[in-house]
Amino acid sequence: MAVKKLEKSQWEEYFVEFDKKYREGQIPPKEVQIEIVNEEIGDQVETWWQPLIGLAYDPKDDEFEVAAERHDHLIHKPVEIYVDEDVDGSIKSLEVIQEDGTKHIIKLRTPAS
C-alpha cells in the first residue's frame, strides 16, 4: 500500500484501533526503531530495534507516544502524521512531524524467528 497522511481528527481513533488489534494478536509482534531528523542534530537513531509495546496519540496533551520495551518516546505537539501500511493493515513505518519541523521516523518490522 502507499503512504497516506492521517488527518489530525483521525489520529486518536486510528492508533486506538491499531493498539487493539496489536494487543489481541491480529497484528503480529513488531520491533520498532526510531530516528530523529532535524537541522540541529541531523539524522540520528534514537532507539535501535526493540519490541514494540504500543502506539498512541493523546489529544488532551497533544502528544504522540511510541512505547517500546526499553524506551518510551514522546513527540510533543505533532502537526502531521504519515503512515505506510502493509497489505495486512499493519504499519510498516510512520513519520511524525513536530511543530518545529523535527521529523520522527518510526520503523516497524516483524522480528526474525
N, C-alpha and C. Protein backbone atom coordinates (compact mmCIF):
# COMPACT_ATOMS: atom_id res chain seq x y z
N MET A 1 0.84 -1.18 0.00
CA MET A 1 0.00 0.00 0.00
C MET A 1 0.88 1.25 0.00
N ALA A 2 0.28 2.36 -0.26
CA ALA A 2 1.02 3.61 -0.35
C ALA A 2 1.02 4.35 0.98
N VAL A 3 1.90 5.32 1.07
CA VAL A 3 1.96 6.19 2.25
C VAL A 3 0.74 7.10 2.22
N LYS A 4 0.11 7.26 3.39
CA LYS A 4 -1.04 8.16 3.44
C LYS A 4 -0.91 9.10 4.63
N LYS A 5 -1.43 10.29 4.44
CA LYS A 5 -1.44 11.28 5.52
C LYS A 5 -2.72 11.09 6.32
N LEU A 6 -2.57 11.02 7.64
CA LEU A 6 -3.74 10.95 8.50
C LEU A 6 -4.13 12.36 8.92
N GLU A 7 -5.41 12.64 8.86
CA GLU A 7 -5.90 13.93 9.35
C GLU A 7 -5.87 13.91 10.87
N LYS A 8 -5.62 15.04 11.48
CA LYS A 8 -5.49 15.10 12.94
C LYS A 8 -6.72 14.54 13.64
N SER A 9 -7.88 14.74 13.05
CA SER A 9 -9.13 14.23 13.64
C SER A 9 -9.16 12.70 13.67
N GLN A 10 -8.30 12.03 12.89
CA GLN A 10 -8.26 10.56 12.83
C GLN A 10 -7.23 9.95 13.78
N TRP A 11 -6.29 10.73 14.26
CA TRP A 11 -5.14 10.19 14.97
C TRP A 11 -5.50 9.30 16.15
N GLU A 12 -6.30 9.82 17.07
CA GLU A 12 -6.60 9.06 18.28
C GLU A 12 -7.27 7.73 17.93
N GLU A 13 -8.32 7.77 17.12
CA GLU A 13 -9.06 6.56 16.76
C GLU A 13 -8.19 5.56 15.99
N TYR A 14 -7.36 6.06 15.08
CA TYR A 14 -6.50 5.19 14.27
C TYR A 14 -5.57 4.38 15.16
N PHE A 15 -4.93 5.04 16.13
CA PHE A 15 -3.96 4.35 16.97
C PHE A 15 -4.63 3.53 18.08
N VAL A 16 -5.81 3.91 18.52
CA VAL A 16 -6.58 3.06 19.44
C VAL A 16 -6.91 1.75 18.73
N GLU A 17 -7.36 1.85 17.48
CA GLU A 17 -7.71 0.65 16.70
C GLU A 17 -6.46 -0.21 16.44
N PHE A 18 -5.33 0.42 16.09
CA PHE A 18 -4.10 -0.33 15.88
C PHE A 18 -3.71 -1.07 17.16
N ASP A 19 -3.72 -0.36 18.29
CA ASP A 19 -3.33 -0.98 19.56
C ASP A 19 -4.25 -2.14 19.93
N LYS A 20 -5.54 -1.97 19.69
CA LYS A 20 -6.50 -3.04 19.98
C LYS A 20 -6.15 -4.30 19.18
N LYS A 21 -5.95 -4.13 17.88
CA LYS A 21 -5.59 -5.28 17.02
C LYS A 21 -4.24 -5.87 17.43
N TYR A 22 -3.30 -5.01 17.79
CA TYR A 22 -1.96 -5.44 18.18
C TYR A 22 -2.02 -6.27 19.46
N ARG A 23 -2.73 -5.78 20.45
CA ARG A 23 -2.84 -6.48 21.74
C ARG A 23 -3.61 -7.79 21.62
N GLU A 24 -4.58 -7.84 20.71
CA GLU A 24 -5.37 -9.07 20.51
C GLU A 24 -4.67 -10.08 19.62
N GLY A 25 -3.51 -9.72 19.06
CA GLY A 25 -2.77 -10.65 18.22
C GLY A 25 -3.20 -10.68 16.77
N GLN A 26 -4.09 -9.76 16.35
CA GLN A 26 -4.49 -9.70 14.94
C GLN A 26 -3.35 -9.16 14.08
N ILE A 27 -2.45 -8.42 14.70
CA ILE A 27 -1.24 -7.93 14.06
C ILE A 27 -0.09 -8.62 14.77
N PRO A 28 0.83 -9.26 14.02
CA PRO A 28 1.91 -9.99 14.68
C PRO A 28 2.84 -9.07 15.47
N PRO A 29 3.58 -9.63 16.44
CA PRO A 29 4.52 -8.81 17.22
C PRO A 29 5.45 -8.02 16.31
N LYS A 30 5.80 -6.83 16.75
CA LYS A 30 6.66 -5.94 15.97
C LYS A 30 7.84 -5.46 16.80
N GLU A 31 8.90 -5.13 16.10
CA GLU A 31 10.02 -4.42 16.68
C GLU A 31 9.99 -3.01 16.12
N VAL A 32 10.52 -2.06 16.89
CA VAL A 32 10.49 -0.66 16.50
C VAL A 32 11.88 -0.06 16.54
N GLN A 33 12.13 0.83 15.58
CA GLN A 33 13.35 1.65 15.57
C GLN A 33 12.90 3.09 15.35
N ILE A 34 13.50 4.03 16.07
CA ILE A 34 13.10 5.43 15.98
C ILE A 34 14.29 6.29 15.56
N GLU A 35 14.08 7.06 14.50
CA GLU A 35 15.09 8.02 14.03
C GLU A 35 14.52 9.43 14.20
N ILE A 36 15.40 10.36 14.50
CA ILE A 36 15.01 11.77 14.60
C ILE A 36 15.83 12.56 13.60
N VAL A 37 15.14 13.42 12.84
CA VAL A 37 15.81 14.23 11.83
C VAL A 37 15.42 15.69 12.06
N ASN A 38 16.45 16.53 12.29
CA ASN A 38 16.22 17.97 12.31
C ASN A 38 17.52 18.68 11.94
N GLU A 39 17.44 19.98 11.72
CA GLU A 39 18.60 20.74 11.24
C GLU A 39 19.73 20.78 12.26
N GLU A 40 19.41 20.82 13.55
CA GLU A 40 20.44 20.92 14.57
C GLU A 40 21.25 19.64 14.75
N ILE A 41 20.56 18.50 14.81
CA ILE A 41 21.27 17.24 15.09
C ILE A 41 21.49 16.39 13.86
N GLY A 42 20.87 16.74 12.76
CA GLY A 42 20.97 15.90 11.56
C GLY A 42 20.04 14.71 11.68
N ASP A 43 20.51 13.55 11.27
CA ASP A 43 19.73 12.31 11.27
C ASP A 43 20.36 11.36 12.28
N GLN A 44 19.63 11.06 13.36
CA GLN A 44 20.17 10.19 14.41
C GLN A 44 19.16 9.12 14.78
N VAL A 45 19.68 7.91 15.00
CA VAL A 45 18.83 6.84 15.51
C VAL A 45 18.77 7.00 17.03
N GLU A 46 17.57 7.13 17.55
CA GLU A 46 17.40 7.26 19.00
C GLU A 46 17.25 5.90 19.65
N THR A 47 16.56 4.99 18.99
CA THR A 47 16.30 3.67 19.54
C THR A 47 16.49 2.63 18.45
N TRP A 48 17.40 1.68 18.69
CA TRP A 48 17.57 0.57 17.75
C TRP A 48 16.47 -0.44 18.00
N TRP A 49 16.33 -1.39 17.10
CA TRP A 49 15.26 -2.37 17.12
C TRP A 49 15.03 -2.98 18.51
N GLN A 50 13.80 -2.86 18.98
CA GLN A 50 13.38 -3.49 20.23
C GLN A 50 11.88 -3.73 20.18
N PRO A 51 11.36 -4.63 21.01
CA PRO A 51 9.93 -4.95 20.96
C PRO A 51 9.03 -3.74 21.17
N LEU A 52 8.02 -3.63 20.31
CA LEU A 52 7.03 -2.56 20.40
C LEU A 52 5.98 -2.94 21.44
N ILE A 53 5.64 -2.00 22.31
CA ILE A 53 4.55 -2.19 23.26
C ILE A 53 3.27 -1.58 22.68
N GLY A 54 3.36 -0.37 22.12
CA GLY A 54 2.18 0.26 21.56
C GLY A 54 2.44 1.65 21.00
N LEU A 55 1.44 2.16 20.29
CA LEU A 55 1.45 3.50 19.70
C LEU A 55 0.19 4.21 20.16
N ALA A 56 0.29 5.49 20.48
CA ALA A 56 -0.90 6.21 20.95
C ALA A 56 -0.77 7.71 20.69
N TYR A 57 -1.93 8.34 20.47
CA TYR A 57 -1.99 9.79 20.40
C TYR A 57 -2.94 10.26 21.50
N ASP A 58 -2.48 11.21 22.31
CA ASP A 58 -3.28 11.78 23.38
C ASP A 58 -3.66 13.21 23.00
N PRO A 59 -4.92 13.44 22.59
CA PRO A 59 -5.31 14.79 22.15
C PRO A 59 -5.32 15.80 23.29
N LYS A 60 -5.54 15.35 24.52
CA LYS A 60 -5.58 16.26 25.66
C LYS A 60 -4.22 16.94 25.86
N ASP A 61 -3.16 16.16 25.82
CA ASP A 61 -1.80 16.70 25.98
C ASP A 61 -1.12 17.00 24.65
N ASP A 62 -1.80 16.67 23.54
CA ASP A 62 -1.25 16.84 22.20
C ASP A 62 0.13 16.19 22.09
N GLU A 63 0.16 14.87 22.42
CA GLU A 63 1.39 14.09 22.37
C GLU A 63 1.17 12.77 21.66
N PHE A 64 2.17 12.37 20.90
CA PHE A 64 2.19 11.06 20.27
C PHE A 64 3.22 10.22 21.02
N GLU A 65 2.86 8.99 21.37
CA GLU A 65 3.75 8.14 22.15
C GLU A 65 4.07 6.86 21.41
N VAL A 66 5.35 6.50 21.44
CA VAL A 66 5.81 5.21 20.97
C VAL A 66 6.36 4.50 22.20
N ALA A 67 5.69 3.44 22.62
CA ALA A 67 6.14 2.68 23.79
C ALA A 67 6.84 1.42 23.30
N ALA A 68 8.09 1.29 23.70
CA ALA A 68 8.88 0.11 23.36
C ALA A 68 9.32 -0.55 24.66
N GLU A 69 9.89 -1.73 24.54
CA GLU A 69 10.25 -2.49 25.73
C GLU A 69 11.19 -1.72 26.67
N ARG A 70 12.17 -1.03 26.11
CA ARG A 70 13.16 -0.33 26.93
C ARG A 70 13.19 1.18 26.69
N HIS A 71 12.14 1.71 26.06
CA HIS A 71 12.17 3.13 25.73
C HIS A 71 10.75 3.65 25.53
N ASP A 72 10.49 4.83 26.07
CA ASP A 72 9.20 5.49 25.86
C ASP A 72 9.50 6.81 25.16
N HIS A 73 9.02 6.97 23.94
CA HIS A 73 9.34 8.13 23.11
C HIS A 73 8.09 9.00 22.97
N LEU A 74 8.16 10.24 23.46
CA LEU A 74 7.04 11.18 23.36
C LEU A 74 7.36 12.25 22.34
N ILE A 75 6.39 12.54 21.49
CA ILE A 75 6.51 13.60 20.49
C ILE A 75 5.48 14.66 20.85
N HIS A 76 5.95 15.81 21.27
CA HIS A 76 5.08 16.90 21.70
C HIS A 76 4.62 17.74 20.52
N LYS A 77 3.36 18.05 20.51
CA LYS A 77 2.74 18.93 19.51
C LYS A 77 3.02 18.50 18.06
N PRO A 78 2.65 17.26 17.72
CA PRO A 78 2.80 16.86 16.31
C PRO A 78 1.82 17.63 15.43
N VAL A 79 2.24 17.89 14.20
CA VAL A 79 1.37 18.61 13.27
C VAL A 79 0.96 17.76 12.06
N GLU A 80 1.76 16.73 11.76
CA GLU A 80 1.44 15.84 10.65
C GLU A 80 1.87 14.42 10.99
N ILE A 81 1.07 13.45 10.54
CA ILE A 81 1.44 12.04 10.68
C ILE A 81 1.17 11.36 9.34
N TYR A 82 2.21 10.68 8.84
CA TYR A 82 2.11 9.88 7.62
C TYR A 82 2.31 8.42 7.99
N VAL A 83 1.52 7.54 7.41
CA VAL A 83 1.57 6.12 7.72
C VAL A 83 1.80 5.33 6.44
N ASP A 84 2.72 4.37 6.51
CA ASP A 84 2.93 3.42 5.42
C ASP A 84 2.45 2.07 5.92
N GLU A 85 1.31 1.61 5.38
CA GLU A 85 0.71 0.36 5.83
C GLU A 85 1.09 -0.80 4.91
N ASP A 86 1.18 -1.98 5.51
CA ASP A 86 1.41 -3.21 4.76
C ASP A 86 0.06 -3.70 4.23
N VAL A 87 0.08 -4.69 3.36
CA VAL A 87 -1.16 -5.19 2.78
C VAL A 87 -2.10 -5.79 3.82
N ASP A 88 -1.56 -6.27 4.96
CA ASP A 88 -2.41 -6.84 6.01
C ASP A 88 -2.97 -5.78 6.96
N GLY A 89 -2.68 -4.51 6.67
CA GLY A 89 -3.20 -3.42 7.50
C GLY A 89 -2.28 -3.04 8.65
N SER A 90 -1.19 -3.79 8.81
CA SER A 90 -0.25 -3.41 9.86
C SER A 90 0.61 -2.24 9.35
N ILE A 91 1.27 -1.58 10.27
CA ILE A 91 2.06 -0.40 9.92
C ILE A 91 3.51 -0.81 9.65
N LYS A 92 4.05 -0.35 8.51
CA LYS A 92 5.47 -0.57 8.21
C LYS A 92 6.31 0.57 8.76
N SER A 93 5.80 1.80 8.61
CA SER A 93 6.52 2.95 9.13
C SER A 93 5.57 4.13 9.32
N LEU A 94 6.03 5.06 10.16
CA LEU A 94 5.30 6.30 10.43
C LEU A 94 6.29 7.44 10.33
N GLU A 95 5.81 8.56 9.92
CA GLU A 95 6.61 9.78 10.02
C GLU A 95 5.75 10.80 10.76
N VAL A 96 6.25 11.23 11.90
CA VAL A 96 5.53 12.20 12.71
C VAL A 96 6.34 13.49 12.69
N ILE A 97 5.71 14.57 12.28
CA ILE A 97 6.39 15.86 12.17
C ILE A 97 5.90 16.78 13.27
N GLN A 98 6.87 17.33 14.00
CA GLN A 98 6.56 18.25 15.09
C GLN A 98 6.39 19.67 14.57
N GLU A 99 5.86 20.50 15.43
CA GLU A 99 5.63 21.91 15.14
C GLU A 99 6.89 22.62 14.64
N ASP A 100 8.06 22.26 15.19
CA ASP A 100 9.32 22.91 14.81
C ASP A 100 9.98 22.30 13.57
N GLY A 101 9.30 21.34 12.93
CA GLY A 101 9.83 20.72 11.72
C GLY A 101 10.62 19.44 11.96
N THR A 102 10.87 19.10 13.21
CA THR A 102 11.58 17.86 13.52
C THR A 102 10.75 16.67 13.05
N LYS A 103 11.41 15.74 12.38
CA LYS A 103 10.75 14.52 11.89
C LYS A 103 11.16 13.34 12.76
N HIS A 104 10.17 12.54 13.13
CA HIS A 104 10.40 11.31 13.88
C HIS A 104 9.98 10.17 12.95
N ILE A 105 10.95 9.36 12.56
CA ILE A 105 10.68 8.25 11.66
C ILE A 105 10.64 6.98 12.49
N ILE A 106 9.47 6.36 12.53
CA ILE A 106 9.26 5.17 13.34
C ILE A 106 9.09 4.00 12.39
N LYS A 107 10.05 3.08 12.43
CA LYS A 107 10.02 1.91 11.55
C LYS A 107 9.60 0.69 12.36
N LEU A 108 8.74 -0.12 11.78
CA LEU A 108 8.29 -1.35 12.43
C LEU A 108 8.64 -2.54 11.55
N ARG A 109 8.97 -3.66 12.20
CA ARG A 109 9.23 -4.90 11.46
C ARG A 109 8.83 -6.07 12.33
N THR A 110 8.53 -7.18 11.67
CA THR A 110 8.26 -8.42 12.38
C THR A 110 9.62 -9.03 12.74
N PRO A 111 9.82 -9.39 14.01
CA PRO A 111 11.13 -9.93 14.40
C PRO A 111 11.45 -11.22 13.67
N ALA A 112 12.73 -11.42 13.42
CA ALA A 112 13.19 -12.67 12.80
C ALA A 112 12.99 -13.80 13.80
N SER A 113 12.54 -14.93 13.31
CA SER A 113 12.29 -16.08 14.20
C SER A 113 13.56 -16.80 14.54
